[in-house]
Amino acid sequence: VLDNLAYRFEYIFNDNYKYPGAPKVIQEVIENKPFTLKNLEI
């Protein structure tokens, strides 16, 4: 999904193709196993 977003929103995900004011994101890859956000298991 993140790879698809990087293709469709290159100006957001590609640091070499950013324009001023573009959203900044951190890509967090998740797999089919639990992870924790702020003390809550997801």
PDB file of all heavy atoms in Angstrom:
ATOM      1  N   VAL A   1       0.835  -1.203   0.000  1.00  0.00           N
ATOM      2  CA  VAL A   1       0.000   0.000   0.000  1.00  0.00           C
ATOM      3  C   VAL A   1       0.866   1.247   0.000  1.00  0.00           C
ATOM      4  O   VAL A   1       0.615   2.201  -0.754  1.00  0.00           O
ATOM      5  CB  VAL A   1      -0.949  -0.016   1.205  1.00  0.00           C
ATOM      6  CG1 VAL A   1      -1.725   1.293   1.289  1.00  0.00           C
ATOM      7  CG2 VAL A   1      -1.909  -1.202   1.105  1.00  0.00           C
ATOM      8  N   LEU A   2       1.911   1.266   0.824  1.00  0.00           N
ATOM      9  CA  LEU A   2       2.807   2.424   0.853  1.00  0.00           C
ATOM     10  C   LEU A   2       3.512   2.607  -0.486  1.00  0.00           C
ATOM     11  O   LEU A   2       3.700   3.747  -0.947  1.00  0.00           O
ATOM     12  CB  LEU A   2       3.819   2.265   1.977  1.00  0.00           C
ATOM     13  CG  LEU A   2       3.258   2.403   3.398  1.00  0.00           C
ATOM     14  CD1 LEU A   2       4.312   2.004   4.416  1.00  0.00           C
ATOM     15  CD2 LEU A   2       2.764   3.820   3.666  1.00  0.00           C
ATOM     16  N   ASP A   3       3.891   1.518  -1.141  1.00  0.00           N
ATOM     17  CA  ASP A   3       4.505   1.622  -2.464  1.00  0.00           C
ATOM     18  C   ASP A   3       3.528   2.218  -3.464  1.00  0.00           C
ATOM     19  O   ASP A   3       3.906   3.038  -4.322  1.00  0.00           O
ATOM     20  CB  ASP A   3       4.962   0.244  -2.957  1.00  0.00           C
ATOM     21  CG  ASP A   3       6.165  -0.288  -2.198  1.00  0.00           C
ATOM     22  OD1 ASP A   3       6.822   0.507  -1.495  1.00  0.00           O
ATOM     23  OD2 ASP A   3       6.437  -1.494  -2.303  1.00  0.00           O
ATOM     24  N   ASN A   4       2.274   1.838  -3.364  1.00  0.00           N
ATOM     25  CA  ASN A   4       1.254   2.383  -4.252  1.00  0.00           C
ATOM     26  C   ASN A   4       1.055   3.875  -3.995  1.00  0.00           C
ATOM     27  O   ASN A   4       0.944   4.672  -4.935  1.00  0.00           O
ATOM     28  CB  ASN A   4      -0.056   1.616  -4.056  1.00  0.00           C
ATOM     29  CG  ASN A   4      -1.143   2.059  -5.002  1.00  0.00           C
ATOM     30  OD1 ASN A   4      -1.822   3.058  -4.762  1.00  0.00           O
ATOM     31  ND2 ASN A   4      -1.325   1.311  -6.082  1.00  0.00           N
ATOM     32  N   LEU A   5       1.033   4.263  -2.722  1.00  0.00           N
ATOM     33  CA  LEU A   5       0.887   5.679  -2.390  1.00  0.00           C
ATOM     34  C   LEU A   5       2.071   6.490  -2.896  1.00  0.00           C
ATOM     35  O   LEU A   5       1.906   7.617  -3.384  1.00  0.00           O
ATOM     36  CB  LEU A   5       0.742   5.858  -0.883  1.00  0.00           C
ATOM     37  CG  LEU A   5      -0.482   5.230  -0.213  1.00  0.00           C
ATOM     38  CD1 LEU A   5      -0.501   5.566   1.273  1.00  0.00           C
ATOM     39  CD2 LEU A   5      -1.758   5.681  -0.872  1.00  0.00           C
ATOM     40  N   ALA A   6       3.273   5.923  -2.789  1.00  0.00           N
ATOM     41  CA  ALA A   6       4.470   6.625  -3.261  1.00  0.00           C
ATOM     42  C   ALA A   6       4.415   6.862  -4.765  1.00  0.00           C
ATOM     43  O   ALA A   6       4.941   7.867  -5.272  1.00  0.00           O
ATOM     44  CB  ALA A   6       5.719   5.833  -2.893  1.00  0.00           C
ATOM     45  N   TYR A   7       3.791   5.949  -5.490  1.00  0.00           N
ATOM     46  CA  TYR A   7       3.627   6.109  -6.938  1.00  0.00           C
ATOM     47  C   TYR A   7       2.567   7.159  -7.261  1.00  0.00           C
ATOM     48  O   TYR A   7       2.765   8.021  -8.112  1.00  0.00           O
ATOM     49  CB  TYR A   7       3.251   4.763  -7.556  1.00  0.00           C
ATOM     50  CG  TYR A   7       2.870   4.840  -9.002  1.00  0.00           C
ATOM     51  CD1 TYR A   7       3.841   4.992  -9.999  1.00  0.00           C
ATOM     52  CD2 TYR A   7       1.527   4.753  -9.400  1.00  0.00           C
ATOM     53  CE1 TYR A   7       3.483   5.078 -11.333  1.00  0.00           C
ATOM     54  CE2 TYR A   7       1.171   4.824 -10.726  1.00  0.00           C
ATOM     55  CZ  TYR A   7       2.142   4.983 -11.692  1.00  0.00           C
ATOM     56  OH  TYR A   7       1.787   5.060 -13.014  1.00  0.00           O
ATOM     57  N   ARG A   8       1.461   7.104  -6.558  1.00  0.00           N
ATOM     58  CA  ARG A   8       0.333   7.991  -6.854  1.00  0.00           C
ATOM     59  C   ARG A   8       0.527   9.388  -6.288  1.00  0.00           C
ATOM     60  O   ARG A   8      -0.025  10.359  -6.802  1.00  0.00           O
ATOM     61  CB  ARG A   8      -0.955   7.377  -6.323  1.00  0.00           C
ATOM     62  CG  ARG A   8      -1.282   6.065  -6.999  1.00  0.00           C
ATOM     63  CD  ARG A   8      -2.361   5.285  -6.302  1.00  0.00           C
ATOM     64  NE  ARG A   8      -3.687   5.848  -6.481  1.00  0.00           N
ATOM     65  CZ  ARG A   8      -4.813   5.218  -6.134  1.00  0.00           C
ATOM     66  NH1 ARG A   8      -4.740   4.021  -5.584  1.00  0.00           N
ATOM     67  NH2 ARG A   8      -5.985   5.770  -6.318  1.00  0.00           N
ATOM     68  N   PHE A   9       1.286   9.493  -5.197  1.00  0.00           N
ATOM     69  CA  PHE A   9       1.543  10.787  -4.559  1.00  0.00           C
ATOM     70  C   PHE A   9       3.044  11.029  -4.504  1.00  0.00           C
ATOM     71  O   PHE A   9       3.607  11.261  -3.436  1.00  0.00           O
ATOM     72  CB  PHE A   9       0.938  10.813  -3.152  1.00  0.00           C
ATOM     73  CG  PHE A   9      -0.557  10.720  -3.117  1.00  0.00           C
ATOM     74  CD1 PHE A   9      -1.185   9.492  -2.996  1.00  0.00           C
ATOM     75  CD2 PHE A   9      -1.343  11.864  -3.209  1.00  0.00           C
ATOM     76  CE1 PHE A   9      -2.566   9.390  -2.954  1.00  0.00           C
ATOM     77  CE2 PHE A   9      -2.724  11.784  -3.171  1.00  0.00           C
ATOM     78  CZ  PHE A   9      -3.339  10.543  -3.044  1.00  0.00           C
ATOM     79  N   GLU A  10       3.684  10.989  -5.652  1.00  0.00           N
ATOM     80  CA  GLU A  10       5.138  11.113  -5.690  1.00  0.00           C
ATOM     81  C   GLU A  10       5.614  12.403  -5.045  1.00  0.00           C
ATOM     82  O   GLU A  10       6.636  12.429  -4.363  1.00  0.00           O
ATOM     83  CB  GLU A  10       5.639  11.034  -7.138  1.00  0.00           C
ATOM     84  CG  GLU A  10       7.161  11.028  -7.244  1.00  0.00           C
ATOM     85  CD  GLU A  10       7.644  10.909  -8.683  1.00  0.00           C
ATOM     86  OE1 GLU A  10       6.820  11.066  -9.600  1.00  0.00           O
ATOM     87  OE2 GLU A  10       8.854  10.683  -8.868  1.00  0.00           O
ATOM     88  N   TYR A  11       4.866  13.469  -5.223  1.00  0.00           N
ATOM     89  CA  TYR A  11       5.284  14.761  -4.678  1.00  0.00           C
ATOM     90  C   TYR A  11       5.259  14.785  -3.148  1.00  0.00           C
ATOM     91  O   TYR A  11       5.836  15.681  -2.525  1.00  0.00           O
ATOM     92  CB  TYR A  11       4.401  15.882  -5.230  1.00  0.00           C
ATOM     93  CG  TYR A  11       2.988  15.888  -4.707  1.00  0.00           C
ATOM     94  CD1 TYR A  11       2.613  16.707  -3.638  1.00  0.00           C
ATOM     95  CD2 TYR A  11       2.013  15.069  -5.271  1.00  0.00           C
ATOM     96  CE1 TYR A  11       1.323  16.710  -3.159  1.00  0.00           C
ATOM     97  CE2 TYR A  11       0.727  15.064  -4.799  1.00  0.00           C
ATOM     98  CZ  TYR A  11       0.377  15.888  -3.750  1.00  0.00           C
ATOM     99  OH  TYR A  11      -0.919  15.886  -3.265  1.00  0.00           O
ATOM    100  N   ILE A  12       4.596  13.813  -2.528  1.00  0.00           N
ATOM    101  CA  ILE A  12       4.588  13.694  -1.068  1.00  0.00           C
ATOM    102  C   ILE A  12       5.683  12.751  -0.587  1.00  0.00           C
ATOM    103  O   ILE A  12       6.405  13.048   0.365  1.00  0.00           O
ATOM    104  CB  ILE A  12       3.213  13.200  -0.563  1.00  0.00           C
ATOM    105  CG1 ILE A  12       2.130  14.227  -0.875  1.00  0.00           C
ATOM    106  CG2 ILE A  12       3.263  12.899   0.940  1.00  0.00           C
ATOM    107  CD1 ILE A  12       0.725  13.773  -0.487  1.00  0.00           C
ATOM    108  N   PHE A  13       5.855  11.623  -1.265  1.00  0.00           N
ATOM    109  CA  PHE A  13       6.712  10.550  -0.772  1.00  0.00           C
ATOM    110  C   PHE A  13       8.147  10.600  -1.304  1.00  0.00           C
ATOM    111  O   PHE A  13       9.040  10.018  -0.701  1.00  0.00           O
ATOM    112  CB  PHE A  13       6.087   9.198  -1.119  1.00  0.00           C
ATOM    113  CG  PHE A  13       4.880   8.860  -0.289  1.00  0.00           C
ATOM    114  CD1 PHE A  13       3.628   9.389  -0.597  1.00  0.00           C
ATOM    115  CD2 PHE A  13       4.980   8.031   0.812  1.00  0.00           C
ATOM    116  CE1 PHE A  13       2.518   9.082   0.164  1.00  0.00           C
ATOM    117  CE2 PHE A  13       3.879   7.724   1.582  1.00  0.00           C
ATOM    118  CZ  PHE A  13       2.639   8.259   1.256  1.00  0.00           C
ATOM    119  N   ASN A  14       8.360  11.273  -2.416  1.00  0.00           N
ATOM    120  CA  ASN A  14       9.693  11.321  -3.024  1.00  0.00           C
ATOM    121  C   ASN A  14      10.384  12.620  -2.636  1.00  0.00           C
ATOM    122  O   ASN A  14       9.973  13.699  -3.056  1.00  0.00           O
ATOM    123  CB  ASN A  14       9.578  11.204  -4.545  1.00  0.00           C
ATOM    124  CG  ASN A  14      10.930  11.077  -5.227  1.00  0.00           C
ATOM    125  OD1 ASN A  14      11.966  11.414  -4.654  1.00  0.00           O
ATOM    126  ND2 ASN A  14      10.930  10.587  -6.457  1.00  0.00           N
ATOM    127  N   ASP A  15      11.431  12.523  -1.838  1.00  0.00           N
ATOM    128  CA  ASP A  15      12.129  13.726  -1.370  1.00  0.00           C
ATOM    129  C   ASP A  15      12.763  14.523  -2.501  1.00  0.00           C
ATOM    130  O   ASP A  15      13.063  15.708  -2.346  1.00  0.00           O
ATOM    131  CB  ASP A  15      13.214  13.342  -0.355  1.00  0.00           C
ATOM    132  CG  ASP A  15      12.624  12.871   0.961  1.00  0.00           C
ATOM    133  OD1 ASP A  15      11.477  13.264   1.273  1.00  0.00           O
ATOM    134  OD2 ASP A  15      13.299  12.102   1.672  1.00  0.00           O
ATOM    135  N   ASN A  16      12.978  13.870  -3.650  1.00  0.00           N
ATOM    136  CA  ASN A  16      13.576  14.562  -4.796  1.00  0.00           C
ATOM    137  C   ASN A  16      12.543  15.280  -5.649  1.00  0.00           C
ATOM    138  O   ASN A  16      12.892  15.934  -6.631  1.00  0.00           O
ATOM    139  CB  ASN A  16      14.343  13.559  -5.666  1.00  0.00           C
ATOM    140  CG  ASN A  16      15.504  12.937  -4.917  1.00  0.00           C
ATOM    141  OD1 ASN A  16      16.196  13.602  -4.157  1.00  0.00           O
ATOM    142  ND2 ASN A  16      15.698  11.633  -5.115  1.00  0.00           N
ATOM    143  N   TYR A  17      11.271  15.147  -5.292  1.00  0.00           N
ATOM    144  CA  TYR A  17      10.223  15.702  -6.135  1.00  0.00           C
ATOM    145  C   TYR A  17       9.215  16.493  -5.306  1.00  0.00           C
ATOM    146  O   TYR A  17       8.048  16.548  -5.598  1.00  0.00           O
ATOM    147  CB  TYR A  17       9.525  14.570  -6.898  1.00  0.00           C
ATOM    148  CG  TYR A  17       8.571  15.030  -7.970  1.00  0.00           C
ATOM    149  CD1 TYR A  17       9.015  15.748  -9.060  1.00  0.00           C
ATOM    150  CD2 TYR A  17       7.209  14.731  -7.881  1.00  0.00           C
ATOM    151  CE1 TYR A  17       8.127  16.169 -10.038  1.00  0.00           C
ATOM    152  CE2 TYR A  17       6.317  15.147  -8.853  1.00  0.00           C
ATOM    153  CZ  TYR A  17       6.783  15.862  -9.936  1.00  0.00           C
ATOM    154  OH  TYR A  17       5.903  16.291 -10.908  1.00  0.00           O
ATOM    155  N   LYS A  18       9.674  17.068  -4.218  1.00  0.00           N
ATOM    156  CA  LYS A  18       8.770  17.803  -3.346  1.00  0.00           C
ATOM    157  C   LYS A  18       8.610  19.248  -3.803  1.00  0.00           C
ATOM    158  O   LYS A  18       9.534  19.849  -4.327  1.00  0.00           O
ATOM    159  CB  LYS A  18       9.278  17.787  -1.901  1.00  0.00           C
ATOM    160  CG  LYS A  18       8.931  16.506  -1.152  1.00  0.00           C
ATOM    161  CD  LYS A  18       9.257  16.660   0.316  1.00  0.00           C
ATOM    162  CE  LYS A  18       8.852  15.427   1.108  1.00  0.00           C
ATOM    163  NZ  LYS A  18       7.403  15.250   1.148  1.00  0.00           N
ATOM    164  N   TYR A  19       7.430  19.779  -3.595  1.00  0.00           N
ATOM    165  CA  TYR A  19       7.259  21.209  -3.772  1.00  0.00           C
ATOM    166  C   TYR A  19       6.977  21.829  -2.410  1.00  0.00           C
ATOM    167  O   TYR A  19       6.510  21.149  -1.502  1.00  0.00           O
ATOM    168  CB  TYR A  19       6.154  21.544  -4.784  1.00  0.00           C
ATOM    169  CG  TYR A  19       4.753  21.151  -4.397  1.00  0.00           C
ATOM    170  CD1 TYR A  19       4.021  21.883  -3.438  1.00  0.00           C
ATOM    171  CD2 TYR A  19       4.127  20.068  -4.990  1.00  0.00           C
ATOM    172  CE1 TYR A  19       2.737  21.536  -3.097  1.00  0.00           C
ATOM    173  CE2 TYR A  19       2.839  19.716  -4.659  1.00  0.00           C
ATOM    174  CZ  TYR A  19       2.146  20.454  -3.705  1.00  0.00           C
ATOM    175  OH  TYR A  19       0.865  20.118  -3.370  1.00  0.00           O
ATOM    176  N   PRO A  20       7.254  23.116  -2.243  1.00  0.00           N
ATOM    177  CA  PRO A  20       7.046  23.753  -0.940  1.00  0.00           C
ATOM    178  C   PRO A  20       5.602  23.598  -0.472  1.00  0.00           C
ATOM    179  O   PRO A  20       4.655  23.814  -1.225  1.00  0.00           O
ATOM    180  CB  PRO A  20       7.380  25.218  -1.214  1.00  0.00           C
ATOM    181  CG  PRO A  20       8.315  25.173  -2.372  1.00  0.00           C
ATOM    182  CD  PRO A  20       7.849  24.037  -3.223  1.00  0.00           C
ATOM    183  N   GLY A  21       5.429  23.200   0.766  1.00  0.00           N
ATOM    184  CA  GLY A  21       4.092  23.035   1.322  1.00  0.00           C
ATOM    185  C   GLY A  21       3.519  21.650   1.177  1.00  0.00           C
ATOM    186  O   GLY A  21       2.430  21.370   1.702  1.00  0.00           O
ATOM    187  N   ALA A  22       4.203  20.753   0.466  1.00  0.00           N
ATOM    188  CA  ALA A  22       3.694  19.389   0.336  1.00  0.00           C
ATOM    189  C   ALA A  22       3.643  18.728   1.710  1.00  0.00           C
ATOM    190  O   ALA A  22       4.495  19.000   2.566  1.00  0.00           O
ATOM    191  CB  ALA A  22       4.584  18.579  -0.597  1.00  0.00           C
ATOM    192  N   PRO A  23       2.655  17.862   1.944  1.00  0.00           N
ATOM    193  CA  PRO A  23       2.595  17.164   3.233  1.00  0.00           C
ATOM    194  C   PRO A  23       3.868  16.363   3.492  1.00  0.00           C
ATOM    195  O   PRO A  23       4.495  15.853   2.566  1.00  0.00           O
ATOM    196  CB  PRO A  23       1.401  16.226   3.065  1.00  0.00           C
ATOM    197  CG  PRO A  23       0.601  16.796   1.956  1.00  0.00           C
ATOM    198  CD  PRO A  23       1.570  17.468   1.046  1.00  0.00           C
ATOM    199  N   LYS A  24       4.225  16.288   4.754  1.00  0.00           N
ATOM    200  CA  LYS A  24       5.349  15.453   5.164  1.00  0.00           C
ATOM    201  C   LYS A  24       4.795  14.233   5.884  1.00  0.00           C
ATOM    202  O   LYS A  24       3.937  14.355   6.761  1.00  0.00           O
ATOM    203  CB  LYS A  24       6.289  16.228   6.082  1.00  0.00           C
ATOM    204  CG  LYS A  24       6.973  17.408   5.409  1.00  0.00           C
ATOM    205  CD  LYS A  24       7.882  18.125   6.387  1.00  0.00           C
ATOM    206  CE  LYS A  24       8.569  19.318   5.721  1.00  0.00           C
ATOM    207  NZ  LYS A  24       9.458  20.041   6.667  1.00  0.00           N
ATOM    208  N   VAL A  25       5.276  13.066   5.496  1.00  0.00           N
ATOM    209  CA  VAL A  25       4.776  11.833   6.103  1.00  0.00           C
ATOM    210  C   VAL A  25       5.936  10.946   6.530  1.00  0.00           C
ATOM    211  O   VAL A  25       7.045  11.056   6.012  1.00  0.00           O
ATOM    212  CB  VAL A  25       3.857  11.055   5.133  1.00  0.00           C
ATOM    213  CG1 VAL A  25       2.637  11.885   4.746  1.00  0.00           C
ATOM    214  CG2 VAL A  25       4.619  10.597   3.895  1.00  0.00           C
ATOM    215  N   ILE A  26       5.655  10.091   7.485  1.00  0.00           N
ATOM    216  CA  ILE A  26       6.583   9.044   7.908  1.00  0.00           C
ATOM    217  C   ILE A  26       5.952   7.712   7.520  1.00  0.00           C
ATOM    218  O   ILE A  26       4.823   7.413   7.940  1.00  0.00           O
ATOM    219  CB  ILE A  26       6.824   9.084   9.426  1.00  0.00           C
ATOM    220  CG1 ILE A  26       7.404  10.434   9.836  1.00  0.00           C
ATOM    221  CG2 ILE A  26       7.742   7.945   9.858  1.00  0.00           C
ATOM    222  CD1 ILE A  26       7.441  10.634  11.349  1.00  0.00           C
ATOM    223  N   GLN A  27       6.626   6.932   6.713  1.00  0.00           N
ATOM    224  CA  GLN A  27       6.096   5.647   6.284  1.00  0.00           C
ATOM    225  C   GLN A  27       6.342   4.593   7.362  1.00  0.00           C
ATOM    226  O   GLN A  27       7.487   4.310   7.705  1.00  0.00           O
ATOM    227  CB  GLN A  27       6.742   5.217   4.973  1.00  0.00           C
ATOM    228  CG  GLN A  27       6.494   6.194   3.831  1.00  0.00           C
ATOM    229  CD  GLN A  27       7.071   5.679   2.536  1.00  0.00           C
ATOM    230  OE1 GLN A  27       6.753   4.581   2.095  1.00  0.00           O
ATOM    231  NE2 GLN A  27       7.929   6.476   1.907  1.00  0.00           N
ATOM    232  N   GLU A  28       5.271   4.037   7.878  1.00  0.00           N
ATOM    233  CA  GLU A  28       5.342   2.997   8.911  1.00  0.00           C
ATOM    234  C   GLU A  28       4.788   1.706   8.328  1.00  0.00           C
ATOM    235  O   GLU A  28       3.574   1.544   8.172  1.00  0.00           O
ATOM    236  CB  GLU A  28       4.542   3.414  10.146  1.00  0.00           C
ATOM    237  CG  GLU A  28       5.038   4.684  10.827  1.00  0.00           C
ATOM    238  CD  GLU A  28       6.284   4.445  11.672  1.00  0.00           C
ATOM    239  OE1 GLU A  28       6.763   3.289  11.718  1.00  0.00           O
ATOM    240  OE2 GLU A  28       6.759   5.406  12.294  1.00  0.00           O
ATOM    241  N   VAL A  29       5.671   0.787   7.985  1.00  0.00           N
ATOM    242  CA  VAL A  29       5.247  -0.484   7.394  1.00  0.00           C
ATOM    243  C   VAL A  29       4.706  -1.400   8.488  1.00  0.00           C
ATOM    244  O   VAL A  29       5.375  -1.632   9.499  1.00  0.00           O
ATOM    245  CB  VAL A  29       6.411  -1.178   6.663  1.00  0.00           C
ATOM    246  CG1 VAL A  29       5.960  -2.533   6.109  1.00  0.00           C
ATOM    247  CG2 VAL A  29       6.937  -0.287   5.541  1.00  0.00           C
ATOM    248  N   ILE A  30       3.502  -1.903   8.291  1.00  0.00           N
ATOM    249  CA  ILE A  30       2.934  -2.852   9.240  1.00  0.00           C
ATOM    250  C   ILE A  30       2.684  -4.183   8.535  1.00  0.00           C
ATOM    251  O   ILE A  30       2.411  -4.228   7.333  1.00  0.00           O
ATOM    252  CB  ILE A  30       1.641  -2.332   9.896  1.00  0.00           C
ATOM    253  CG1 ILE A  30       0.591  -1.965   8.845  1.00  0.00           C
ATOM    254  CG2 ILE A  30       1.937  -1.152  10.791  1.00  0.00           C
ATOM    255  CD1 ILE A  30      -0.729  -1.542   9.449  1.00  0.00           C
ATOM    256  N   GLU A  31       2.804  -5.237   9.301  1.00  0.00           N
ATOM    257  CA  GLU A  31       2.556  -6.582   8.802  1.00  0.00           C
ATOM    258  C   GLU A  31       1.378  -7.171   9.569  1.00  0.00           C
ATOM    259  O   GLU A  31       0.788  -6.510  10.440  1.00  0.00           O
ATOM    260  CB  GLU A  31       3.814  -7.435   8.961  1.00  0.00           C
ATOM    261  CG  GLU A  31       5.005  -6.889   8.184  1.00  0.00           C
ATOM    262  CD  GLU A  31       6.281  -7.680   8.440  1.00  0.00           C
ATOM    263  OE1 GLU A  31       6.295  -8.495   9.392  1.00  0.00           O
ATOM    264  OE2 GLU A  31       7.251  -7.474   7.698  1.00  0.00           O
ATOM    265  N   ASN A  32       1.050  -8.389   9.264  1.00  0.00           N
ATOM    266  CA  ASN A  32      -0.084  -9.020   9.922  1.00  0.00           C
ATOM    267  C   ASN A  32       0.318  -9.567  11.291  1.00  0.00           C
ATOM    268  O   ASN A  32       0.310 -10.775  11.548  1.00  0.00           O
ATOM    269  CB  ASN A  32      -0.649 -10.133   9.043  1.00  0.00           C
ATOM    270  CG  ASN A  32      -1.993 -10.637   9.563  1.00  0.00           C
ATOM    271  OD1 ASN A  32      -2.580 -10.050  10.457  1.00  0.00           O
ATOM    272  ND2 ASN A  32      -2.458 -11.742   9.003  1.00  0.00           N
ATOM    273  N   LYS A  33       0.686  -8.647  12.157  1.00  0.00           N
ATOM    274  CA  LYS A  33       1.008  -8.983  13.537  1.00  0.00           C
ATOM    275  C   LYS A  33       0.786  -7.740  14.394  1.00  0.00           C
ATOM    276  O   LYS A  33       0.851  -6.609  13.896  1.00  0.00           O
ATOM    277  CB  LYS A  33       2.448  -9.475  13.668  1.00  0.00           C
ATOM    278  CG  LYS A  33       3.504  -8.520  13.181  1.00  0.00           C
ATOM    279  CD  LYS A  33       4.892  -9.182  13.264  1.00  0.00           C
ATOM    280  CE  LYS A  33       5.985  -8.215  12.790  1.00  0.00           C
ATOM    281  NZ  LYS A  33       7.326  -8.850  12.849  1.00  0.00           N
ATOM    282  N   PRO A  34       0.516  -7.914  15.679  1.00  0.00           N
ATOM    283  CA  PRO A  34       0.177  -6.775  16.526  1.00  0.00           C
ATOM    284  C   PRO A  34       1.312  -5.757  16.636  1.00  0.00           C
ATOM    285  O   PRO A  34       2.495  -6.091  16.550  1.00  0.00           O
ATOM    286  CB  PRO A  34      -0.100  -7.420  17.889  1.00  0.00           C
ATOM    287  CG  PRO A  34      -0.444  -8.834  17.576  1.00  0.00           C
ATOM    288  CD  PRO A  34       0.402  -9.199  16.392  1.00  0.00           C
ATOM    289  N   PHE A  35       0.916  -4.505  16.815  1.00  0.00           N
ATOM    290  CA  PHE A  35       1.857  -3.437  17.111  1.00  0.00           C
ATOM    291  C   PHE A  35       1.198  -2.499  18.106  1.00  0.00           C
ATOM    292  O   PHE A  35      -0.011  -2.613  18.383  1.00  0.00           O
ATOM    293  CB  PHE A  35       2.303  -2.703  15.843  1.00  0.00           C
ATOM    294  CG  PHE A  35       1.191  -2.026  15.073  1.00  0.00           C
ATOM    295  CD1 PHE A  35       0.956  -0.664  15.200  1.00  0.00           C
ATOM    296  CD2 PHE A  35       0.387  -2.751  14.189  1.00  0.00           C
ATOM    297  CE1 PHE A  35      -0.058  -0.043  14.489  1.00  0.00           C
ATOM    298  CE2 PHE A  35      -0.623  -2.141  13.468  1.00  0.00           C
ATOM    299  CZ  PHE A  35      -0.846  -0.779  13.622  1.00  0.00           C
ATOM    300  N   THR A  36       1.971  -1.595  18.672  1.00  0.00           N
ATOM    301  CA  THR A  36       1.459  -0.737  19.745  1.00  0.00           C
ATOM    302  C   THR A  36       1.534   0.731  19.356  1.00  0.00           C
ATOM    303  O   THR A  36       2.542   1.201  18.824  1.00  0.00           O
ATOM    304  CB  THR A  36       2.257  -0.958  21.043  1.00  0.00           C
ATOM    305  OG1 THR A  36       2.143  -2.336  21.428  1.00  0.00           O
ATOM    306  CG2 THR A  36       1.718  -0.091  22.171  1.00  0.00           C
ATOM    307  N   LEU A  37       0.450   1.433  19.616  1.00  0.00           N
ATOM    308  CA  LEU A  37       0.414   2.885  19.464  1.00  0.00           C
ATOM    309  C   LEU A  37       0.004   3.490  20.798  1.00  0.00           C
ATOM    310  O   LEU A  37      -1.108   3.243  21.273  1.00  0.00           O
ATOM    311  CB  LEU A  37      -0.592   3.303  18.383  1.00  0.00           C
ATOM    312  CG  LEU A  37      -0.299   2.896  16.944  1.00  0.00           C
ATOM    313  CD1 LEU A  37      -1.444   3.321  16.034  1.00  0.00           C
ATOM    314  CD2 LEU A  37       1.015   3.501  16.469  1.00  0.00           C
ATOM    315  N   LYS A  38       0.914   4.231  21.412  1.00  0.00           N
ATOM    316  CA  LYS A  38       0.595   4.945  22.653  1.00  0.00           C
ATOM    317  C   LYS A  38      -0.106   4.041  23.670  1.00  0.00           C
ATOM    318  O   LYS A  38      -1.218   4.317  24.118  1.00  0.00           O
ATOM    319  CB  LYS A  38      -0.273   6.167  22.347  1.00  0.00           C
ATOM    320  CG  LYS A  38       0.288   7.107  21.303  1.00  0.00           C
ATOM    321  CD  LYS A  38       1.564   7.783  21.760  1.00  0.00           C
ATOM    322  CE  LYS A  38       2.055   8.794  20.719  1.00  0.00           C
ATOM    323  NZ  LYS A  38       3.278   9.469  21.130  1.00  0.00           N
ATOM    324  N   ASN A  39       0.519   2.940  24.013  1.00  0.00           N
ATOM    325  CA  ASN A  39       0.029   2.013  25.036  1.00  0.00           C
ATOM    326  C   ASN A  39      -1.202   1.205  24.634  1.00  0.00           C
ATOM    327  O   ASN A  39      -1.774   0.509  25.472  1.00  0.00           O
ATOM    328  CB  ASN A  39      -0.280   2.761  26.349  1.00  0.00           C
ATOM    329  CG  ASN A  39       0.929   3.492  26.887  1.00  0.00           C
ATOM    330  OD1 ASN A  39       2.029   2.937  26.908  1.00  0.00           O
ATOM    331  ND2 ASN A  39       0.737   4.726  27.314  1.00  0.00           N
ATOM    332  N   LEU A  40      -1.608   1.288  23.391  1.00  0.00           N
ATOM    333  CA  LEU A  40      -2.754   0.518  22.916  1.00  0.00           C
ATOM    334  C   LEU A  40      -2.296  -0.484  21.871  1.00  0.00           C
ATOM    335  O   LEU A  40      -1.661  -0.113  20.876  1.00  0.00           O
ATOM    336  CB  LEU A  40      -3.812   1.443  22.314  1.00  0.00           C
ATOM    337  CG  LEU A  40      -5.072   0.750  21.794  1.00  0.00           C
ATOM    338  CD1 LEU A  40      -5.869   0.121  22.941  1.00  0.00           C
ATOM    339  CD2 LEU A  40      -5.951   1.751  21.032  1.00  0.00           C
ATOM    340  N   GLU A  41      -2.602  -1.756  22.083  1.00  0.00           N
ATOM    341  CA  GLU A  41      -2.243  -2.777  21.100  1.00  0.00           C
ATOM    342  C   GLU A  41      -3.214  -2.736  19.923  1.00  0.00           C
ATOM    343  O   GLU A  41      -4.433  -2.737  20.106  1.00  0.00           O
ATOM    344  CB  GLU A  41      -2.271  -4.171  21.729  1.00  0.00           C
ATOM    345  CG  GLU A  41      -1.833  -5.272  20.761  1.00  0.00           C
ATOM    346  CD  GLU A  41      -1.872  -6.653  21.360  1.00  0.00           C
ATOM    347  OE1 GLU A  41      -2.967  -7.070  21.800  1.00  0.00           O
ATOM    348  OE2 GLU A  41      -0.811  -7.317  21.395  1.00  0.00           O
ATOM    349  N   ILE A  42      -2.665  -2.694  18.728  1.00  0.00           N
ATOM    350  CA  ILE A  42      -3.439  -2.715  17.494  1.00  0.00           C
ATOM    351  C   ILE A  42      -3.208  -4.062  16.828  1.00  0.00           C
ATOM    352  O   ILE A  42      -2.057  -4.447  16.585  1.00  0.00           O
ATOM    353  CB  ILE A  42      -3.019  -1.592  16.526  1.00  0.00           C
ATOM    354  CG1 ILE A  42      -2.868  -0.250  17.258  1.00  0.00           C
ATOM    355  CG2 ILE A  42      -3.981  -1.517  15.354  1.00  0.00           C
ATOM    356  CD1 ILE A  42      -4.119   0.263  17.885  1.00  0.00           C
TER     357      ILE A  42
END
